[in-house]
Amino acid sequence: MKAWQTGGVHVRLAQAGDHASAEILDVILRNEIGHVLIGNHWFRFLCDVASLDPHPTYARLAEQYHAPKLRGPFNFEARRDAGFDEAELRALAGLDDSAPSQN
C-alpha cells in the first residue's frame, strides 16, 4: 500500500509525526478497496445474468434511487484496485477537475 493512496490527510498526519493514525488510514483504505471489489464483482455478475450493460444500469439505478452526486477528488489508483474499469474512471474524471490525466 502506497502512503499517498490515502490522500492529503495521510501525508499531514505522517508529517505531524502521527504515524499510528496514518497507518489506520492505510488499513481503512485496504478494507474499502476489498469491499468495493466484492460489490463490483456481484454487481457485474448480476448485470451479466440479466443481460444488462453495467455502466448504463448503474447510472439508471443511481438516478432512480436518488443516489448522492459523486464529488472528487477521486483516488483513481484505489478505484482501479477495486475493479473499476477505464470507462468508469473516465466518467469520474469528468466529475473531478483535479483529476490526473488517465493514460
C-alpha atoms as a PDB file:
ATOM      1  CA  MET A   1       0.000   0.000   0.000  1.00  0.00           C
ATOM      2  CA  LYS A   2       1.479   3.315  -1.019  1.00  0.00           C
ATOM      3  CA  ALA A   3       1.168   6.021   1.620  1.00  0.00           C
ATOM      4  CA  TRP A   4      -0.127   8.617  -0.845  1.00  0.00           C
ATOM      5  CA  GLN A   5      -3.122   6.463  -1.680  1.00  0.00           C
ATOM      6  CA  THR A   6      -4.979   7.682   1.378  1.00  0.00           C
ATOM      7  CA  GLY A   7      -4.567  11.275   0.274  1.00  0.00           C
ATOM      8  CA  GLY A   8      -3.597  14.516   1.917  1.00  0.00           C
ATOM      9  CA  VAL A   9      -4.800  13.571   5.386  1.00  0.00           C
ATOM     10  CA  HIS A  10      -2.366  10.654   5.488  1.00  0.00           C
ATOM     11  CA  VAL A  11       0.531  12.903   4.466  1.00  0.00           C
ATOM     12  CA  ARG A  12      -0.367  15.573   7.017  1.00  0.00           C
ATOM     13  CA  LEU A  13      -0.638  13.013   9.818  1.00  0.00           C
ATOM     14  CA  ALA A  14       2.708  11.458   8.928  1.00  0.00           C
ATOM     15  CA  GLN A  15       4.377  14.863   8.693  1.00  0.00           C
ATOM     16  CA  ALA A  16       2.998  15.722  12.132  1.00  0.00           C
ATOM     17  CA  GLY A  17       4.524  12.510  13.491  1.00  0.00           C
ATOM     18  CA  ASP A  18       1.178  10.732  13.968  1.00  0.00           C
ATOM     19  CA  HIS A  19       2.249   7.558  12.191  1.00  0.00           C
ATOM     20  CA  ALA A  20      -0.260   5.412  14.089  1.00  0.00           C
ATOM     21  CA  SER A  21      -3.198   7.383  12.679  1.00  0.00           C
ATOM     22  CA  ALA A  22      -1.638   7.342   9.211  1.00  0.00           C
ATOM     23  CA  GLU A  23      -1.383   3.542   9.436  1.00  0.00           C
ATOM     24  CA  ILE A  24      -5.030   3.361  10.498  1.00  0.00           C
ATOM     25  CA  LEU A  25      -5.967   5.199   7.305  1.00  0.00           C
ATOM     26  CA  ASP A  26      -4.000   2.604   5.322  1.00  0.00           C
ATOM     27  CA  VAL A  27      -5.993  -0.192   6.989  1.00  0.00           C
ATOM     28  CA  ILE A  28      -9.275   1.570   6.249  1.00  0.00           C
ATOM     29  CA  LEU A  29      -8.296   2.081   2.606  1.00  0.00           C
ATOM     30  CA  ARG A  30      -7.342  -1.583   2.173  1.00  0.00           C
ATOM     31  CA  ASN A  31     -10.670  -2.649   3.692  1.00  0.00           C
ATOM     32  CA  GLU A  32     -12.638  -0.258   1.487  1.00  0.00           C
ATOM     33  CA  ILE A  33     -10.872  -1.465  -1.651  1.00  0.00           C
ATOM     34  CA  GLY A  34     -11.810  -5.027  -0.721  1.00  0.00           C
ATOM     35  CA  HIS A  35     -15.445  -4.132  -0.050  1.00  0.00           C
ATOM     36  CA  VAL A  36     -15.797  -2.217  -3.306  1.00  0.00           C
ATOM     37  CA  LEU A  37     -14.088  -5.017  -5.253  1.00  0.00           C
ATOM     38  CA  ILE A  38     -16.644  -7.513  -3.919  1.00  0.00           C
ATOM     39  CA  GLY A  39     -19.531  -5.148  -4.686  1.00  0.00           C
ATOM     40  CA  ASN A  40     -18.253  -4.569  -8.218  1.00  0.00           C
ATOM     41  CA  HIS A  41     -17.934  -8.314  -8.771  1.00  0.00           C
ATOM     42  CA  TRP A  42     -21.506  -9.051  -7.718  1.00  0.00           C
ATOM     43  CA  PHE A  43     -22.995  -6.030  -9.477  1.00  0.00           C
ATOM     44  CA  ARG A  44     -21.352  -7.063 -12.746  1.00  0.00           C
ATOM     45  CA  PHE A  45     -22.337 -10.697 -12.179  1.00  0.00           C
ATOM     46  CA  LEU A  46     -25.997  -9.757 -11.695  1.00  0.00           C
ATOM     47  CA  CYS A  47     -25.921  -7.435 -14.700  1.00  0.00           C
ATOM     48  CA  ASP A  48     -24.472 -10.279 -16.769  1.00  0.00           C
ATOM     49  CA  VAL A  49     -27.173 -12.703 -15.575  1.00  0.00           C
ATOM     50  CA  ALA A  50     -29.846 -10.151 -16.544  1.00  0.00           C
ATOM     51  CA  SER A  51     -28.096  -9.296 -19.847  1.00  0.00           C
ATOM     52  CA  LEU A  52     -27.624  -5.676 -18.747  1.00  0.00           C
ATOM     53  CA  ASP A  53     -24.708  -3.371 -19.503  1.00  0.00           C
ATOM     54  CA  PRO A  54     -23.384  -2.393 -16.045  1.00  0.00           C
ATOM     55  CA  HIS A  55     -22.496   1.214 -16.963  1.00  0.00           C
ATOM     56  CA  PRO A  56     -25.924   2.497 -18.014  1.00  0.00           C
ATOM     57  CA  THR A  57     -27.543   0.232 -15.422  1.00  0.00           C
ATOM     58  CA  TYR A  58     -25.568   1.918 -12.647  1.00  0.00           C
ATOM     59  CA  ALA A  59     -26.492   5.373 -13.981  1.00  0.00           C
ATOM     60  CA  ARG A  60     -30.168   4.410 -14.196  1.00  0.00           C
ATOM     61  CA  LEU A  61     -30.254   2.945 -10.687  1.00  0.00           C
ATOM     62  CA  ALA A  62     -28.376   5.926  -9.225  1.00  0.00           C
ATOM     63  CA  GLU A  63     -30.952   8.254 -10.737  1.00  0.00           C
ATOM     64  CA  GLN A  64     -33.923   6.050  -9.872  1.00  0.00           C
ATOM     65  CA  TYR A  65     -32.911   5.807  -6.204  1.00  0.00           C
ATOM     66  CA  HIS A  66     -31.654   9.399  -5.925  1.00  0.00           C
ATOM     67  CA  ALA A  67     -28.084   8.449  -5.076  1.00  0.00           C
ATOM     68  CA  PRO A  68     -25.983  11.415  -3.974  1.00  0.00           C
ATOM     69  CA  LYS A  69     -23.960  13.043  -6.735  1.00  0.00           C
ATOM     70  CA  LEU A  70     -20.344  11.933  -6.671  1.00  0.00           C
ATOM     71  CA  ARG A  71     -17.726  14.600  -5.996  1.00  0.00           C
ATOM     72  CA  GLY A  72     -13.961  14.426  -6.274  1.00  0.00           C
ATOM     73  CA  PRO A  73     -11.195  14.318  -5.766  1.00  0.00           C
ATOM     74  CA  PHE A  74     -11.140  10.611  -6.539  1.00  0.00           C
ATOM     75  CA  ASN A  75      -8.384   8.114  -5.785  1.00  0.00           C
ATOM     76  CA  PHE A  76      -8.115   6.560  -9.241  1.00  0.00           C
ATOM     77  CA  GLU A  77      -5.437   4.009  -8.350  1.00  0.00           C
ATOM     78  CA  ALA A  78      -7.503   2.685  -5.440  1.00  0.00           C
ATOM     79  CA  ARG A  79     -10.569   2.533  -7.681  1.00  0.00           C
ATOM     80  CA  ARG A  80      -8.602   0.523 -10.247  1.00  0.00           C
ATOM     81  CA  ASP A  81      -7.526  -1.811  -7.439  1.00  0.00           C
ATOM     82  CA  ALA A  82     -11.219  -2.129  -6.509  1.00  0.00           C
ATOM     83  CA  GLY A  83     -12.152  -3.257 -10.009  1.00  0.00           C
ATOM     84  CA  PHE A  84     -13.252  -0.039 -11.691  1.00  0.00           C
ATOM     85  CA  ASP A  85     -12.724  -0.198 -15.431  1.00  0.00           C
ATOM     86  CA  GLU A  86     -11.349   2.613 -17.565  1.00  0.00           C
ATOM     87  CA  ALA A  87     -14.821   3.713 -18.733  1.00  0.00           C
ATOM     88  CA  GLU A  88     -15.884   4.194 -15.117  1.00  0.00           C
ATOM     89  CA  LEU A  89     -12.700   6.091 -14.347  1.00  0.00           C
ATOM     90  CA  ARG A  90     -13.177   8.364 -17.373  1.00  0.00           C
ATOM     91  CA  ALA A  91     -16.706   9.121 -16.184  1.00  0.00           C
ATOM     92  CA  LEU A  92     -15.359  10.005 -12.730  1.00  0.00           C
ATOM     93  CA  ALA A  93     -12.585  12.116 -14.241  1.00  0.00           C
ATOM     94  CA  GLY A  94     -15.282  14.186 -15.919  1.00  0.00           C
ATOM     95  CA  LEU A  95     -16.656  14.973 -12.452  1.00  0.00           C
ATOM     96  CA  ASP A  96     -13.282  15.859 -10.937  1.00  0.00           C
ATOM     97  CA  ASP A  97     -11.492  18.971 -12.164  1.00  0.00           C
ATOM     98  CA  SER A  98      -8.405  17.984 -10.183  1.00  0.00           C
ATOM     99  CA  ALA A  99      -8.203  14.518 -11.745  1.00  0.00           C
ATOM    100  CA  PRO A 100      -4.868  13.459 -13.230  1.00  0.00           C
ATOM    101  CA  SER A 101      -4.800  12.523 -16.884  1.00  0.00           C
ATOM    102  CA  GLN A 102      -5.960   8.948 -17.455  1.00  0.00           C
ATOM    103  CA  ASN A 103      -3.209   7.374 -19.582  1.00  0.00           C
END
